[in-house]
Amino acid sequence: ASPLVLWLWLVPLLIGQPFLRAYLLAEHGLCPPVANMLENSRTTFTNRLVRFLAWNMPYHAEHHSFPNVPFHQLPVFHEITQAHLKSTSDGYRDFSADYLRQISR
């Protein structure tokens, strides 16, 4: 195998995986295991750059509850559904702090 595989695939994978795991954990971590997607998925309020890079997936509860809404309409759709959301976080740092508090009890 070429060293190119190591530098273009494996090294970025190893560097990025911890950040991806933390990001993905916020989508459902600490949410109740129920059928209602507005309860078992989290919307995480974050900055424009993260929303752009993630195709508005921080609006995760909205995305899971209504998958037919296009990603570019999720911020507008959030205005309609926000009163029904059960799990939200004011950023990934806040979620991570809450998560660490819960697992350290």
PDB file of N, CA and C in Angstrom:
ATOM      1  N   ALA A   1       0.849  -1.192   0.000  1.00  0.00           N
ATOM      2  CA  ALA A   1       0.000   0.000   0.000  1.00  0.00           C
ATOM      3  C   ALA A   1       0.887   1.246   0.000  1.00  0.00           C
ATOM      4  N   SER A   2       0.395   2.227  -0.642  1.00  0.00           N
ATOM      5  CA  SER A   2       1.123   3.486  -0.787  1.00  0.00           C
ATOM      6  C   SER A   2       1.082   4.293   0.515  1.00  0.00           C
ATOM      7  N   PRO A   3       2.172   5.033   0.826  1.00  0.00           N
ATOM      8  CA  PRO A   3       2.137   5.926   1.998  1.00  0.00           C
ATOM      9  C   PRO A   3       1.085   7.020   1.837  1.00  0.00           C
ATOM     10  N   LEU A   4       0.648   7.253   0.618  1.00  0.00           N
ATOM     11  CA  LEU A   4      -0.398   8.238   0.365  1.00  0.00           C
ATOM     12  C   LEU A   4      -1.695   7.861   1.100  1.00  0.00           C
ATOM     13  N   VAL A   5      -1.990   6.563   1.145  1.00  0.00           N
ATOM     14  CA  VAL A   5      -3.172   6.081   1.858  1.00  0.00           C
ATOM     15  C   VAL A   5      -3.077   6.460   3.336  1.00  0.00           C
ATOM     16  N   LEU A   6      -1.916   6.289   3.907  1.00  0.00           N
ATOM     17  CA  LEU A   6      -1.702   6.632   5.304  1.00  0.00           C
ATOM     18  C   LEU A   6      -1.980   8.108   5.552  1.00  0.00           C
ATOM     19  N   TRP A   7      -1.412   8.975   4.731  1.00  0.00           N
ATOM     20  CA  TRP A   7      -1.487  10.422   4.966  1.00  0.00           C
ATOM     21  C   TRP A   7      -2.800  11.052   4.520  1.00  0.00           C
ATOM     22  N   LEU A   8      -3.462  10.468   3.531  1.00  0.00           N
ATOM     23  CA  LEU A   8      -4.708  11.063   3.041  1.00  0.00           C
ATOM     24  C   LEU A   8      -5.965  10.432   3.620  1.00  0.00           C
ATOM     25  N   TRP A   9      -5.810   9.257   4.251  1.00  0.00           N
ATOM     26  CA  TRP A   9      -6.988   8.591   4.777  1.00  0.00           C
ATOM     27  C   TRP A   9      -6.848   8.269   6.259  1.00  0.00           C
ATOM     28  N   LEU A  10      -5.837   7.506   6.638  1.00  0.00           N
ATOM     29  CA  LEU A  10      -5.731   7.045   8.018  1.00  0.00           C
ATOM     30  C   LEU A  10      -5.399   8.156   9.017  1.00  0.00           C
ATOM     31  N   VAL A  11      -4.451   9.005   8.720  1.00  0.00           N
ATOM     32  CA  VAL A  11      -4.089  10.084   9.657  1.00  0.00           C
ATOM     33  C   VAL A  11      -5.263  11.043   9.865  1.00  0.00           C
ATOM     34  N   PRO A  12      -5.923  11.539   8.791  1.00  0.00           N
ATOM     35  CA  PRO A  12      -7.091  12.399   9.033  1.00  0.00           C
ATOM     36  C   PRO A  12      -8.206  11.685   9.800  1.00  0.00           C
ATOM     37  N   LEU A  13      -8.381  10.393   9.530  1.00  0.00           N
ATOM     38  CA  LEU A  13      -9.382   9.619  10.246  1.00  0.00           C
ATOM     39  C   LEU A  13      -9.079   9.580  11.738  1.00  0.00           C
ATOM     40  N   LEU A  14      -7.843   9.311  12.096  1.00  0.00           N
ATOM     41  CA  LEU A  14      -7.457   9.255  13.510  1.00  0.00           C
ATOM     42  C   LEU A  14      -7.545  10.616  14.198  1.00  0.00           C
ATOM     43  N   ILE A  15      -7.215  11.665  13.475  1.00  0.00           N
ATOM     44  CA  ILE A  15      -7.299  13.008  14.055  1.00  0.00           C
ATOM     45  C   ILE A  15      -8.760  13.458  14.208  1.00  0.00           C
ATOM     46  N   GLY A  16      -9.582  13.170  13.218  1.00  0.00           N
ATOM     47  CA  GLY A  16     -10.953  13.668  13.220  1.00  0.00           C
ATOM     48  C   GLY A  16     -11.948  12.846  14.020  1.00  0.00           C
ATOM     49  N   GLN A  17     -11.657  11.564  14.236  1.00  0.00           N
ATOM     50  CA  GLN A  17     -12.620  10.674  14.882  1.00  0.00           C
ATOM     51  C   GLN A  17     -13.067  11.134  16.273  1.00  0.00           C
ATOM     52  N   PRO A  18     -12.188  11.588  17.159  1.00  0.00           N
ATOM     53  CA  PRO A  18     -12.671  12.046  18.473  1.00  0.00           C
ATOM     54  C   PRO A  18     -13.657  13.212  18.362  1.00  0.00           C
ATOM     55  N   PHE A  19     -13.412  14.133  17.449  1.00  0.00           N
ATOM     56  CA  PHE A  19     -14.327  15.261  17.265  1.00  0.00           C
ATOM     57  C   PHE A  19     -15.663  14.798  16.691  1.00  0.00           C
ATOM     58  N   LEU A  20     -15.614  13.870  15.744  1.00  0.00           N
ATOM     59  CA  LEU A  20     -16.839  13.338  15.157  1.00  0.00           C
ATOM     60  C   LEU A  20     -17.660  12.595  16.202  1.00  0.00           C
ATOM     61  N   ARG A  21     -17.015  11.792  17.027  1.00  0.00           N
ATOM     62  CA  ARG A  21     -17.735  11.052  18.081  1.00  0.00           C
ATOM     63  C   ARG A  21     -18.449  12.014  19.022  1.00  0.00           C
ATOM     64  N   ALA A  22     -17.768  13.079  19.433  1.00  0.00           N
ATOM     65  CA  ALA A  22     -18.370  14.070  20.340  1.00  0.00           C
ATOM     66  C   ALA A  22     -19.555  14.763  19.666  1.00  0.00           C
ATOM     67  N   TYR A  23     -19.399  15.076  18.394  1.00  0.00           N
ATOM     68  CA  TYR A  23     -20.469  15.718  17.628  1.00  0.00           C
ATOM     69  C   TYR A  23     -21.681  14.788  17.531  1.00  0.00           C
ATOM     70  N   LEU A  24     -21.449  13.534  17.175  1.00  0.00           N
ATOM     71  CA  LEU A  24     -22.542  12.579  17.015  1.00  0.00           C
ATOM     72  C   LEU A  24     -23.215  12.243  18.340  1.00  0.00           C
ATOM     73  N   LEU A  25     -22.458  12.227  19.421  1.00  0.00           N
ATOM     74  CA  LEU A  25     -23.027  11.946  20.737  1.00  0.00           C
ATOM     75  C   LEU A  25     -24.079  12.982  21.100  1.00  0.00           C
ATOM     76  N   ALA A  26     -23.870  14.217  20.697  1.00  0.00           N
ATOM     77  CA  ALA A  26     -24.815  15.284  21.020  1.00  0.00           C
ATOM     78  C   ALA A  26     -26.164  15.085  20.320  1.00  0.00           C
ATOM     79  N   GLU A  27     -26.212  14.330  19.253  1.00  0.00           N
ATOM     80  CA  GLU A  27     -27.463  14.156  18.520  1.00  0.00           C
ATOM     81  C   GLU A  27     -28.505  13.362  19.304  1.00  0.00           C
ATOM     82  N   HIS A  28     -28.064  12.370  20.100  1.00  0.00           N
ATOM     83  CA  HIS A  28     -29.010  11.526  20.827  1.00  0.00           C
ATOM     84  C   HIS A  28     -28.615  11.271  22.280  1.00  0.00           C
ATOM     85  N   GLY A  29     -27.401  11.629  22.667  1.00  0.00           N
ATOM     86  CA  GLY A  29     -26.941  11.363  24.026  1.00  0.00           C
ATOM     87  C   GLY A  29     -27.806  12.059  25.062  1.00  0.00           C
ATOM     88  N   LEU A  30     -28.131  11.352  26.121  1.00  0.00           N
ATOM     89  CA  LEU A  30     -28.957  11.824  27.234  1.00  0.00           C
ATOM     90  C   LEU A  30     -30.415  12.065  26.847  1.00  0.00           C
ATOM     91  N   CYS A  31     -30.799  11.684  25.646  1.00  0.00           N
ATOM     92  CA  CYS A  31     -32.202  11.799  25.237  1.00  0.00           C
ATOM     93  C   CYS A  31     -32.927  10.518  25.659  1.00  0.00           C
ATOM     94  N   PRO A  32     -34.207  10.632  26.017  1.00  0.00           N
ATOM     95  CA  PRO A  32     -34.938   9.421  26.420  1.00  0.00           C
ATOM     96  C   PRO A  32     -35.126   8.461  25.247  1.00  0.00           C
ATOM     97  N   PRO A  33     -35.063   7.156  25.503  1.00  0.00           N
ATOM     98  CA  PRO A  33     -35.242   6.168  24.436  1.00  0.00           C
ATOM     99  C   PRO A  33     -36.731   5.931  24.152  1.00  0.00           C
ATOM    100  N   VAL A  34     -37.359   6.893  23.500  1.00  0.00           N
ATOM    101  CA  VAL A  34     -38.787   6.821  23.179  1.00  0.00           C
ATOM    102  C   VAL A  34     -38.960   6.928  21.665  1.00  0.00           C
ATOM    103  N   ALA A  35     -40.162   6.651  21.189  1.00  0.00           N
ATOM    104  CA  ALA A  35     -40.421   6.681  19.748  1.00  0.00           C
ATOM    105  C   ALA A  35     -40.542   8.104  19.200  1.00  0.00           C
ATOM    106  N   ASN A  36     -40.932   9.047  20.026  1.00  0.00           N
ATOM    107  CA  ASN A  36     -41.133  10.430  19.577  1.00  0.00           C
ATOM    108  C   ASN A  36     -39.799  11.071  19.206  1.00  0.00           C
ATOM    109  N   MET A  37     -39.613  11.366  17.933  1.00  0.00           N
ATOM    110  CA  MET A  37     -38.348  11.926  17.449  1.00  0.00           C
ATOM    111  C   MET A  37     -38.070  13.322  17.997  1.00  0.00           C
ATOM    112  N   LEU A  38     -39.103  14.052  18.385  1.00  0.00           N
ATOM    113  CA  LEU A  38     -38.883  15.370  18.977  1.00  0.00           C
ATOM    114  C   LEU A  38     -38.349  15.252  20.397  1.00  0.00           C
ATOM    115  N   GLU A  39     -38.427  14.041  20.982  1.00  0.00           N
ATOM    116  CA  GLU A  39     -37.882  13.790  22.321  1.00  0.00           C
ATOM    117  C   GLU A  39     -36.544  13.068  22.277  1.00  0.00           C
ATOM    118  N   ASN A  40     -36.378  12.124  21.358  1.00  0.00           N
ATOM    119  CA  ASN A  40     -35.178  11.279  21.391  1.00  0.00           C
ATOM    120  C   ASN A  40     -34.040  11.791  20.511  1.00  0.00           C
ATOM    121  N   SER A  41     -34.187  13.001  19.988  1.00  0.00           N
ATOM    122  CA  SER A  41     -33.131  13.642  19.202  1.00  0.00           C
ATOM    123  C   SER A  41     -32.933  15.054  19.737  1.00  0.00           C
ATOM    124  N   ARG A  42     -31.722  15.566  19.636  1.00  0.00           N
ATOM    125  CA  ARG A  42     -31.403  16.880  20.193  1.00  0.00           C
ATOM    126  C   ARG A  42     -31.116  17.889  19.088  1.00  0.00           C
ATOM    127  N   THR A  43     -31.619  19.091  19.294  1.00  0.00           N
ATOM    128  CA  THR A  43     -31.211  20.236  18.487  1.00  0.00           C
ATOM    129  C   THR A  43     -30.143  20.969  19.282  1.00  0.00           C
ATOM    130  N   THR A  44     -29.023  21.219  18.644  1.00  0.00           N
ATOM    131  CA  THR A  44     -27.902  21.899  19.293  1.00  0.00           C
ATOM    132  C   THR A  44     -27.722  23.258  18.631  1.00  0.00           C
ATOM    133  N   PHE A  45     -27.837  24.303  19.423  1.00  0.00           N
ATOM    134  CA  PHE A  45     -27.679  25.660  18.900  1.00  0.00           C
ATOM    135  C   PHE A  45     -26.194  25.967  18.784  1.00  0.00           C
ATOM    136  N   THR A  46     -25.777  26.314  17.601  1.00  0.00           N
ATOM    137  CA  THR A  46     -24.363  26.516  17.314  1.00  0.00           C
ATOM    138  C   THR A  46     -24.199  27.642  16.294  1.00  0.00           C
ATOM    139  N   ASN A  47     -22.985  27.875  15.887  1.00  0.00           N
ATOM    140  CA  ASN A  47     -22.720  28.993  14.985  1.00  0.00           C
ATOM    141  C   ASN A  47     -22.988  28.633  13.520  1.00  0.00           C
ATOM    142  N   ARG A  48     -22.984  29.655  12.685  1.00  0.00           N
ATOM    143  CA  ARG A  48     -23.279  29.486  11.256  1.00  0.00           C
ATOM    144  C   ARG A  48     -22.301  28.553  10.548  1.00  0.00           C
ATOM    145  N   LEU A  49     -21.034  28.628  10.925  1.00  0.00           N
ATOM    146  CA  LEU A  49     -20.032  27.799  10.263  1.00  0.00           C
ATOM    147  C   LEU A  49     -20.315  26.313  10.486  1.00  0.00           C
ATOM    148  N   VAL A  50     -20.591  25.930  11.720  1.00  0.00           N
ATOM    149  CA  VAL A  50     -20.901  24.519  12.014  1.00  0.00           C
ATOM    150  C   VAL A  50     -22.177  24.111  11.295  1.00  0.00           C
ATOM    151  N   ARG A  51     -23.201  24.954  11.335  1.00  0.00           N
ATOM    152  CA  ARG A  51     -24.446  24.617  10.633  1.00  0.00           C
ATOM    153  C   ARG A  51     -24.192  24.450   9.133  1.00  0.00           C
ATOM    154  N   PHE A  52     -23.357  25.311   8.553  1.00  0.00           N
ATOM    155  CA  PHE A  52     -23.051  25.214   7.122  1.00  0.00           C
ATOM    156  C   PHE A  52     -22.292  23.927   6.811  1.00  0.00           C
ATOM    157  N   LEU A  53     -21.236  23.656   7.568  1.00  0.00           N
ATOM    158  CA  LEU A  53     -20.420  22.463   7.316  1.00  0.00           C
ATOM    159  C   LEU A  53     -21.215  21.172   7.538  1.00  0.00           C
ATOM    160  N   ALA A  54     -22.168  21.207   8.458  1.00  0.00           N
ATOM    161  CA  ALA A  54     -22.959  20.011   8.780  1.00  0.00           C
ATOM    162  C   ALA A  54     -24.315  19.996   8.066  1.00  0.00           C
ATOM    163  N   TRP A  55     -24.505  20.860   7.093  1.00  0.00           N
ATOM    164  CA  TRP A  55     -25.743  20.909   6.320  1.00  0.00           C
ATOM    165  C   TRP A  55     -26.967  21.065   7.220  1.00  0.00           C
ATOM    166  N   ASN A  56     -26.841  21.909   8.247  1.00  0.00           N
ATOM    167  CA  ASN A  56     -27.923  22.210   9.192  1.00  0.00           C
ATOM    168  C   ASN A  56     -28.339  21.011  10.046  1.00  0.00           C
ATOM    169  N   MET A  57     -27.494  19.999  10.154  1.00  0.00           N
ATOM    170  CA  MET A  57     -27.842  18.841  10.983  1.00  0.00           C
ATOM    171  C   MET A  57     -27.831  19.124  12.489  1.00  0.00           C
ATOM    172  N   PRO A  58     -27.274  20.246  12.982  1.00  0.00           N
ATOM    173  CA  PRO A  58     -27.513  20.538  14.394  1.00  0.00           C
ATOM    174  C   PRO A  58     -29.013  20.686  14.712  1.00  0.00           C
ATOM    175  N   TYR A  59     -29.829  20.928  13.681  1.00  0.00           N
ATOM    176  CA  TYR A  59     -31.293  20.876  13.840  1.00  0.00           C
ATOM    177  C   TYR A  59     -31.705  19.407  13.701  1.00  0.00           C
ATOM    178  N   HIS A  60     -31.175  18.595  14.590  1.00  0.00           N
ATOM    179  CA  HIS A  60     -31.273  17.150  14.438  1.00  0.00           C
ATOM    180  C   HIS A  60     -32.667  16.610  14.750  1.00  0.00           C
ATOM    181  N   ALA A  61     -33.306  17.140  15.783  1.00  0.00           N
ATOM    182  CA  ALA A  61     -34.660  16.684  16.109  1.00  0.00           C
ATOM    183  C   ALA A  61     -35.622  17.003  14.966  1.00  0.00           C
ATOM    184  N   GLU A  62     -35.479  18.179  14.389  1.00  0.00           N
ATOM    185  CA  GLU A  62     -36.329  18.552  13.264  1.00  0.00           C
ATOM    186  C   GLU A  62     -36.075  17.630  12.075  1.00  0.00           C
ATOM    187  N   HIS A  63     -34.794  17.340  11.825  1.00  0.00           N
ATOM    188  CA  HIS A  63     -34.416  16.468  10.714  1.00  0.00           C
ATOM    189  C   HIS A  63     -34.982  15.064  10.888  1.00  0.00           C
ATOM    190  N   HIS A  64     -34.882  14.492  12.087  1.00  0.00           N
ATOM    191  CA  HIS A  64     -35.398  13.137  12.317  1.00  0.00           C
ATOM    192  C   HIS A  64     -36.918  13.088  12.312  1.00  0.00           C
ATOM    193  N   SER A  65     -37.545  14.111  12.849  1.00  0.00           N
ATOM    194  CA  SER A  65     -39.007  14.112  12.934  1.00  0.00           C
ATOM    195  C   SER A  65     -39.659  14.299  11.573  1.00  0.00           C
ATOM    196  N   PHE A  66     -39.043  15.110  10.748  1.00  0.00           N
ATOM    197  CA  PHE A  66     -39.608  15.428   9.441  1.00  0.00           C
ATOM    198  C   PHE A  66     -38.511  15.338   8.373  1.00  0.00           C
ATOM    199  N   PRO A  67     -38.100  14.116   8.007  1.00  0.00           N
ATOM    200  CA  PRO A  67     -36.966  13.950   7.083  1.00  0.00           C
ATOM    201  C   PRO A  67     -37.232  14.472   5.673  1.00  0.00           C
ATOM    202  N   ASN A  68     -38.484  14.759   5.348  1.00  0.00           N
ATOM    203  CA  ASN A  68     -38.783  15.288   4.023  1.00  0.00           C
ATOM    204  C   ASN A  68     -38.495  16.788   3.904  1.00  0.00           C
ATOM    205  N   VAL A  69     -38.182  17.461   5.012  1.00  0.00           N
ATOM    206  CA  VAL A  69     -37.818  18.878   4.956  1.00  0.00           C
ATOM    207  C   VAL A  69     -36.380  18.977   4.458  1.00  0.00           C
ATOM    208  N   PRO A  70     -36.143  19.719   3.382  1.00  0.00           N
ATOM    209  CA  PRO A  70     -34.772  19.836   2.855  1.00  0.00           C
ATOM    210  C   PRO A  70     -33.840  20.499   3.871  1.00  0.00           C
ATOM    211  N   PHE A  71     -32.580  20.105   3.863  1.00  0.00           N
ATOM    212  CA  PHE A  71     -31.614  20.604   4.844  1.00  0.00           C
ATOM    213  C   PHE A  71     -31.549  22.124   4.866  1.00  0.00           C
ATOM    214  N   HIS A  72     -31.717  22.764   3.731  1.00  0.00           N
ATOM    215  CA  HIS A  72     -31.594  24.221   3.687  1.00  0.00           C
ATOM    216  C   HIS A  72     -32.813  24.927   4.279  1.00  0.00           C
ATOM    217  N   GLN A  73     -33.895  24.175   4.529  1.00  0.00           N
ATOM    218  CA  GLN A  73     -35.094  24.754   5.136  1.00  0.00           C
ATOM    219  C   GLN A  73     -35.191  24.473   6.642  1.00  0.00           C
ATOM    220  N   LEU A  74     -34.254  23.708   7.184  1.00  0.00           N
ATOM    221  CA  LEU A  74     -34.331  23.345   8.602  1.00  0.00           C
ATOM    222  C   LEU A  74     -34.316  24.550   9.546  1.00  0.00           C
ATOM    223  N   PRO A  75     -33.521  25.597   9.306  1.00  0.00           N
ATOM    224  CA  PRO A  75     -33.582  26.745  10.222  1.00  0.00           C
ATOM    225  C   PRO A  75     -34.976  27.395  10.257  1.00  0.00           C
ATOM    226  N   VAL A  76     -35.625  27.513   9.122  1.00  0.00           N
ATOM    227  CA  VAL A  76     -36.980  28.078   9.078  1.00  0.00           C
ATOM    228  C   VAL A  76     -37.958  27.117   9.739  1.00  0.00           C
ATOM    229  N   PHE A  77     -37.799  25.836   9.457  1.00  0.00           N
ATOM    230  CA  PHE A  77     -38.677  24.821  10.043  1.00  0.00           C
ATOM    231  C   PHE A  77     -38.523  24.767  11.558  1.00  0.00           C
ATOM    232  N   HIS A  78     -37.333  25.055  12.049  1.00  0.00           N
ATOM    233  CA  HIS A  78     -37.098  25.091  13.494  1.00  0.00           C
ATOM    234  C   HIS A  78     -38.039  26.090  14.176  1.00  0.00           C
ATOM    235  N   GLU A  79     -38.294  27.207  13.523  1.00  0.00           N
ATOM    236  CA  GLU A  79     -39.199  28.216  14.098  1.00  0.00           C
ATOM    237  C   GLU A  79     -40.593  27.629  14.334  1.00  0.00           C
ATOM    238  N   ILE A  80     -41.006  26.712  13.491  1.00  0.00           N
ATOM    239  CA  ILE A  80     -42.335  26.087  13.612  1.00  0.00           C
ATOM    240  C   ILE A  80     -42.338  25.029  14.710  1.00  0.00           C
ATOM    241  N   THR A  81     -41.264  24.282  14.844  1.00  0.00           N
ATOM    242  CA  THR A  81     -41.239  23.134  15.753  1.00  0.00           C
ATOM    243  C   THR A  81     -40.626  23.404  17.123  1.00  0.00           C
ATOM    244  N   GLN A  82     -39.987  24.550  17.322  1.00  0.00           N
ATOM    245  CA  GLN A  82     -39.205  24.765  18.542  1.00  0.00           C
ATOM    246  C   GLN A  82     -39.996  24.589  19.831  1.00  0.00           C
ATOM    247  N   ALA A  83     -41.257  24.899  19.849  1.00  0.00           N
ATOM    248  CA  ALA A  83     -42.054  24.743  21.070  1.00  0.00           C
ATOM    249  C   ALA A  83     -42.249  23.274  21.442  1.00  0.00           C
ATOM    250  N   HIS A  84     -42.042  22.382  20.502  1.00  0.00           N
ATOM    251  CA  HIS A  84     -42.271  20.952  20.731  1.00  0.00           C
ATOM    252  C   HIS A  84     -40.989  20.166  21.017  1.00  0.00           C
ATOM    253  N   LEU A  85     -39.837  20.817  20.929  1.00  0.00           N
ATOM    254  CA  LEU A  85     -38.567  20.136  21.154  1.00  0.00           C
ATOM    255  C   LEU A  85     -38.384  19.841  22.637  1.00  0.00           C
ATOM    256  N   LYS A  86     -37.951  18.637  22.950  1.00  0.00           N
ATOM    257  CA  LYS A  86     -37.739  18.237  24.345  1.00  0.00           C
ATOM    258  C   LYS A  86     -36.274  18.290  24.749  1.00  0.00           C
ATOM    259  N   SER A  87     -35.355  18.113  23.787  1.00  0.00           N
ATOM    260  CA  SER A  87     -33.930  18.090  24.093  1.00  0.00           C
ATOM    261  C   SER A  87     -33.202  19.099  23.210  1.00  0.00           C
ATOM    262  N   THR A  88     -32.644  20.113  23.857  1.00  0.00           N
ATOM    263  CA  THR A  88     -31.833  21.093  23.140  1.00  0.00           C
ATOM    264  C   THR A  88     -30.597  21.389  23.989  1.00  0.00           C
ATOM    265  N   SER A  89     -29.570  21.889  23.340  1.00  0.00           N
ATOM    266  CA  SER A  89     -28.356  22.313  24.048  1.00  0.00           C
ATOM    267  C   SER A  89     -27.880  23.619  23.450  1.00  0.00           C
ATOM    268  N   ASP A  90     -27.338  24.462  24.292  1.00  0.00           N
ATOM    269  CA  ASP A  90     -26.773  25.732  23.847  1.00  0.00           C
ATOM    270  C   ASP A  90     -25.320  25.540  23.431  1.00  0.00           C
ATOM    271  N   GLY A  91     -25.108  24.685  22.453  1.00  0.00           N
ATOM    272  CA  GLY A  91     -23.766  24.449  21.930  1.00  0.00           C
ATOM    273  C   GLY A  91     -23.222  23.095  22.335  1.00  0.00           C
ATOM    274  N   TYR A  92     -22.193  22.671  21.623  1.00  0.00           N
ATOM    275  CA  TYR A  92     -21.578  21.367  21.866  1.00  0.00           C
ATOM    276  C   TYR A  92     -20.784  21.355  23.162  1.00  0.00           C
ATOM    277  N   ARG A  93     -20.229  22.475  23.533  1.00  0.00           N
ATOM    278  CA  ARG A  93     -19.500  22.558  24.801  1.00  0.00           C
ATOM    279  C   ARG A  93     -20.471  22.354  25.973  1.00  0.00           C
ATOM    280  N   ASP A  94     -21.631  23.000  25.922  1.00  0.00           N
ATOM    281  CA  ASP A  94     -22.622  22.830  26.985  1.00  0.00           C
ATOM    282  C   ASP A  94     -23.116  21.392  27.055  1.00  0.00           C
ATOM    283  N   PHE A  95     -23.384  20.790  25.890  1.00  0.00           N
ATOM    284  CA  PHE A  95     -23.822  19.398  25.905  1.00  0.00           C
ATOM    285  C   PHE A  95     -22.750  18.510  26.522  1.00  0.00           C
ATOM    286  N   SER A  96     -21.506  18.697  26.105  1.00  0.00           N
ATOM    287  CA  SER A  96     -20.414  17.857  26.614  1.00  0.00           C
ATOM    288  C   SER A  96     -20.276  17.995  28.124  1.00  0.00           C
ATOM    289  N   ALA A  97     -20.397  19.206  28.646  1.00  0.00           N
ATOM    290  CA  ALA A  97     -20.318  19.415  30.094  1.00  0.00           C
ATOM    291  C   ALA A  97     -21.470  18.705  30.802  1.00  0.00           C
ATOM    292  N   ASP A  98     -22.685  18.807  30.256  1.00  0.00           N
ATOM    293  CA  ASP A  98     -23.841  18.111  30.843  1.00  0.00           C
ATOM    294  C   ASP A  98     -23.639  16.606  30.804  1.00  0.00           C
ATOM    295  N   TYR A  99     -23.129  16.113  29.699  1.00  0.00           N
ATOM    296  CA  TYR A  99     -22.911  14.679  29.538  1.00  0.00           C
ATOM    297  C   TYR A  99     -21.896  14.177  30.554  1.00  0.00           C
ATOM    298  N   LEU A 100     -20.796  14.896  30.696  1.00  0.00           N
ATOM    299  CA  LEU A 100     -19.766  14.487  31.665  1.00  0.00           C
ATOM    300  C   LEU A 100     -20.295  14.517  33.092  1.00  0.00           C
ATOM    301  N   ARG A 101     -21.119  15.509  33.406  1.00  0.00           N
ATOM    302  CA  ARG A 101     -21.750  15.556  34.740  1.00  0.00           C
ATOM    303  C   ARG A 101     -22.637  14.347  34.971  1.00  0.00           C
ATOM    304  N   GLN A 102     -23.414  13.966  33.964  1.00  0.00           N
ATOM    305  CA  GLN A 102     -24.321  12.825  34.100  1.00  0.00           C
ATOM    306  C   GLN A 102     -23.586  11.506  34.270  1.00  0.00           C
ATOM    307  N   ILE A 103     -22.523  11.286  33.513  1.00  0.00           N
ATOM    308  CA  ILE A 103     -21.838   9.993  33.603  1.00  0.00           C
ATOM    309  C   ILE A 103     -20.909   9.915  34.818  1.00  0.00           C
ATOM    310  N   SER A 104     -20.609  11.045  35.417  1.00  0.00           N
ATOM    311  CA  SER A 104     -19.726  11.013  36.587  1.00  0.00           C
ATOM    312  C   SER A 104     -20.503  10.932  37.901  1.00  0.00           C
ATOM    313  N   ARG A 105     -21.792  10.828  37.838  1.00  0.00           N
ATOM    314  CA  ARG A 105     -22.628  10.708  39.063  1.00  0.00           C
ATOM    315  C   ARG A 105     -22.496   9.355  39.676  1.00  0.00           C
TER     316      ARG A 105
END
